[in-house]
Protein backbone atom coordinates (compact mmCIF):
# COMPACT_ATOMS: atom_id res chain seq x y z
CA MET A 1 -12.50 42.61 -19.85
CA ARG A 2 -13.29 39.85 -17.64
CA ARG A 3 -11.07 37.41 -19.15
CA THR A 4 -8.61 39.65 -19.30
CA ALA A 5 -8.64 39.99 -15.28
CA LEU A 6 -9.32 36.29 -15.37
CA LEU A 7 -6.00 35.50 -16.94
CA ARG A 8 -3.90 38.21 -14.81
CA HIS A 9 -4.77 36.05 -11.59
CA LEU A 10 -4.61 32.40 -13.18
CA PRO A 11 -0.53 32.57 -11.79
CA LEU A 12 -1.98 33.50 -8.42
CA VAL A 13 -4.16 30.80 -8.71
CA ALA A 14 -1.94 28.01 -9.69
CA GLY A 15 0.55 29.24 -7.32
CA VAL A 16 -1.68 28.69 -4.65
CA ALA A 17 -3.12 25.09 -5.83
CA ALA A 18 0.86 24.46 -6.03
CA VAL A 19 1.28 24.87 -2.66
CA ALA A 20 -2.02 23.23 -1.32
CA MET A 21 -0.29 20.45 -2.91
CA PHE A 22 3.11 20.78 -2.05
CA VAL A 23 2.08 21.22 1.74
CA ALA A 24 -0.31 17.70 1.48
CA SER A 25 3.26 16.13 0.26
CA PRO A 26 4.27 13.63 3.16
CA ALA A 27 7.73 14.79 1.68
CA ILE A 28 7.19 18.12 2.02
CA ALA A 29 5.13 18.09 5.29
CA GLY A 30 8.14 17.18 7.40
CA SER A 31 7.68 12.93 7.23
CA ASP A 32 9.70 11.58 4.12
CA HIS A 33 9.47 8.01 5.76
CA VAL A 34 8.05 5.88 8.49
CA ARG A 35 9.26 3.07 9.35
CA SER A 36 7.45 -0.30 11.36
CA ALA A 37 8.96 -3.15 12.70
CA GLY A 38 7.98 -6.39 15.27
CA PRO A 39 6.18 -9.48 15.22
CA LEU A 40 3.16 -10.13 12.66
CA VAL A 41 -0.05 -10.48 14.29
CA ARG A 42 -0.80 -13.72 13.10
CA TRP A 43 -4.23 -14.88 11.82
CA SER A 44 -3.56 -18.37 10.91
CA GLU A 45 -1.15 -21.26 12.49
CA VAL A 46 0.63 -21.60 8.94
CA VAL A 47 2.40 -18.15 9.71
CA PRO A 48 5.18 -19.33 12.38
CA ALA A 49 5.10 -17.09 16.18
CA GLN A 50 8.37 -15.92 15.41
CA ALA A 51 7.79 -14.63 12.22
CA GLU A 52 8.37 -10.60 11.96
CA ALA A 53 8.53 -7.81 9.54
CA VAL A 54 9.97 -4.37 9.09
CA VAL A 55 7.89 -1.88 6.41
CA THR A 56 9.31 1.14 5.38
CA ALA A 57 7.84 3.66 3.25
CA GLU A 58 9.78 6.69 1.68
CA TYR A 59 7.80 9.67 0.34
CA ASP A 60 10.18 11.86 -2.13
CA ALA A 61 9.16 15.48 -3.08
CA THR A 62 7.70 14.28 -6.71
CA GLY A 63 5.16 12.08 -5.03
CA ARG A 64 6.23 9.24 -5.45
CA THR A 65 6.28 6.36 -2.57
CA THR A 66 8.37 3.69 -2.18
CA VAL A 67 6.91 0.64 -0.12
CA VAL A 68 9.90 -2.25 1.27
CA LEU A 69 8.79 -4.97 3.24
CA ARG A 70 11.53 -7.47 4.84
CA VAL A 71 9.95 -10.74 6.57
CA GLU A 72 11.86 -12.88 8.62
CA GLY A 73 10.70 -16.43 10.24
CA LEU A 74 7.86 -17.82 7.91
CA ARG A 75 8.20 -20.97 6.33
CA PRO A 76 11.00 -21.23 3.86
CA GLY A 77 10.52 -21.16 -0.18
CA THR A 78 7.59 -20.28 0.16
CA VAL A 79 5.32 -17.29 -1.42
CA TYR A 80 3.45 -15.01 -0.41
CA GLY A 81 1.14 -12.12 -1.55
CA ALA A 82 1.24 -8.73 0.52
CA HIS A 83 -0.40 -5.50 -0.21
CA VAL A 84 -0.97 -2.14 2.10
CA HIS A 85 -4.48 -2.20 3.72
CA GLU A 86 -7.07 0.11 5.00
CA GLY A 87 -7.14 -0.59 8.26
CA SER A 88 -4.97 -1.37 11.36
CA CYS A 89 -4.41 -5.47 12.32
CA GLY A 90 -6.95 -6.46 14.66
CA SER A 91 -7.84 -9.86 16.16
CA SER A 92 -9.54 -10.79 12.34
CA PRO A 93 -8.44 -10.03 9.06
CA GLU A 94 -11.65 -8.30 8.41
CA ASP A 95 -10.43 -5.77 10.79
CA ALA A 96 -7.34 -4.28 8.45
CA GLY A 97 -10.79 -3.86 6.13
CA PRO A 98 -9.73 -3.89 2.44
CA THR A 99 -6.78 -3.45 -0.11
CA TYR A 100 -5.61 0.50 -0.10
CA GLN A 101 -6.69 1.62 -3.62
CA ASN A 102 -5.64 4.73 -4.62
CA VAL A 103 -8.05 5.86 -7.24
CA VAL A 104 -11.46 4.38 -5.47
CA PRO A 105 -13.66 3.12 -8.27
CA PRO A 106 -17.35 4.41 -8.73
CA ASP A 107 -18.88 1.58 -8.33
CA PRO A 108 -17.73 -1.26 -5.79
CA ASP A 109 -18.11 -4.09 -8.66
CA LEU A 110 -15.40 -2.33 -10.15
CA VAL A 111 -12.77 -2.99 -7.41
CA SER A 112 -11.64 -6.47 -7.98
CA THR A 113 -11.01 -5.57 -11.88
CA PRO A 114 -7.82 -4.84 -13.66
CA ARG A 115 -8.37 -1.11 -14.10
CA TYR A 116 -8.33 -0.79 -10.04
CA ALA A 117 -6.82 -3.61 -8.56
CA ASN A 118 -3.51 -3.41 -10.23
CA ARG A 119 0.28 -2.15 -8.80
CA HIS A 120 0.03 1.46 -9.97
CA ASN A 121 -3.61 1.82 -8.38
CA GLU A 122 -2.52 -0.26 -5.15
CA VAL A 123 0.95 -1.25 -3.00
CA TRP A 124 1.66 -4.48 -4.39
CA LEU A 125 4.81 -6.24 -1.68
CA ASP A 126 4.67 -9.94 -2.83
CA VAL A 127 7.58 -11.72 -1.43
CA GLU A 128 9.07 -15.52 -1.89
CA THR A 129 11.04 -16.65 1.45
CA ASP A 130 14.35 -18.30 0.67
CA ALA A 131 15.77 -21.19 2.80
CA SER A 132 15.91 -19.27 5.90
CA GLY A 133 11.91 -18.51 5.85
CA ALA A 134 13.53 -14.53 4.76
CA GLY A 135 12.54 -12.88 2.32
CA SER A 136 11.66 -9.01 0.99
CA SER A 137 10.03 -6.96 -1.42
CA THR A 138 9.98 -3.49 -3.14
CA ALA A 139 7.22 -1.34 -4.74
CA ARG A 140 7.05 2.31 -5.80
CA VAL A 141 4.05 4.01 -6.87
CA THR A 142 3.46 7.56 -8.55
CA TRP A 143 1.02 9.04 -5.55
CA GLN A 144 1.17 9.32 -2.11
CA PHE A 145 -0.95 8.64 0.53
CA PRO A 146 -3.33 11.43 1.05
CA PRO A 147 -3.98 12.95 4.69
CA HIS A 148 -7.41 12.36 4.74
CA ARG A 149 -6.66 8.43 3.81
CA ARG A 150 -3.90 7.15 5.25
CA PRO A 151 -3.72 3.15 5.09
CA GLY A 152 -2.85 1.65 8.10
CA SER A 153 -1.18 -1.97 7.89
CA VAL A 154 0.30 -4.51 5.50
CA VAL A 155 -1.12 -8.40 5.09
CA LEU A 156 0.30 -11.45 4.16
CA HIS A 157 -2.03 -13.40 2.05
CA GLU A 158 -1.38 -16.98 0.83
CA ASP A 159 -0.70 -16.79 -2.66
CA PHE A 160 0.94 -14.46 -5.07
CA THR A 161 -1.90 -11.50 -6.21
CA SER A 162 -3.85 -12.15 -9.32
CA THR A 163 -3.33 -9.57 -12.02
CA GLY A 164 -6.62 -10.51 -13.49
CA LEU A 165 -5.41 -10.73 -16.60
CA GLN A 166 -5.61 -14.07 -16.63
CA PRO A 167 -8.02 -17.61 -15.79
CA GLY A 168 -8.28 -17.54 -12.31
CA PRO A 169 -9.09 -15.58 -9.41
CA ARG A 170 -9.96 -11.91 -9.95
CA ALA A 171 -7.27 -8.68 -10.23
CA GLY A 172 -5.82 -8.09 -6.71
CA VAL A 173 -7.08 -11.56 -5.07
CA ALA A 174 -3.97 -13.31 -3.51
CA GLY A 175 -6.01 -15.59 -1.12
CA ASP A 176 -5.98 -15.86 3.22
CA ALA A 177 -5.49 -12.94 4.76
CA LEU A 178 -2.51 -15.14 7.16
CA ALA A 179 -0.72 -11.98 9.38
CA CYS A 180 -0.73 -8.33 9.48
CA LEU A 181 1.90 -5.37 10.92
CA ASP A 182 0.76 -2.20 11.82
CA VAL A 183 2.13 0.64 9.65
CA GLU A 184 1.81 4.63 10.44
CA PHE A 185 1.92 5.57 6.92
């Protein structure tokens, strides 16, 4: 008898859970995109003073996120790693905090392993500038930033991001943080 009552209420429980997820989605809650633009906060003289960036994030109703980075005024013909970071820009790279990970590992020692530091669990926006110092990059992920854990910036690094699958740096490592743009994801 109890099982029958539970099964009878299962559609209601599933419906409430679906509504909660639906409302928590930025795309449904009225914020289907964000845009931030302006001069980069420079942490290194390697980044020219006139360097600027534009970051847009679009959230769709299926739960996916597309982030686009456009840069101008950087050194021509240069590759940079770029990631979404947990904190906002500040006077030093430490202020931006670590790279945002959708699924946080249970053990801090796993943060830079390929299982967690990858382009499916992080937003990687590595970019190569053209002869004028401009470039763009797009990242698409199958998740959205939850309301209680929104990241605050995009950070430019000195190297392309390592996958950790080849010899060299650990996964997700892209060298020193050079510059930053605050983004209210």
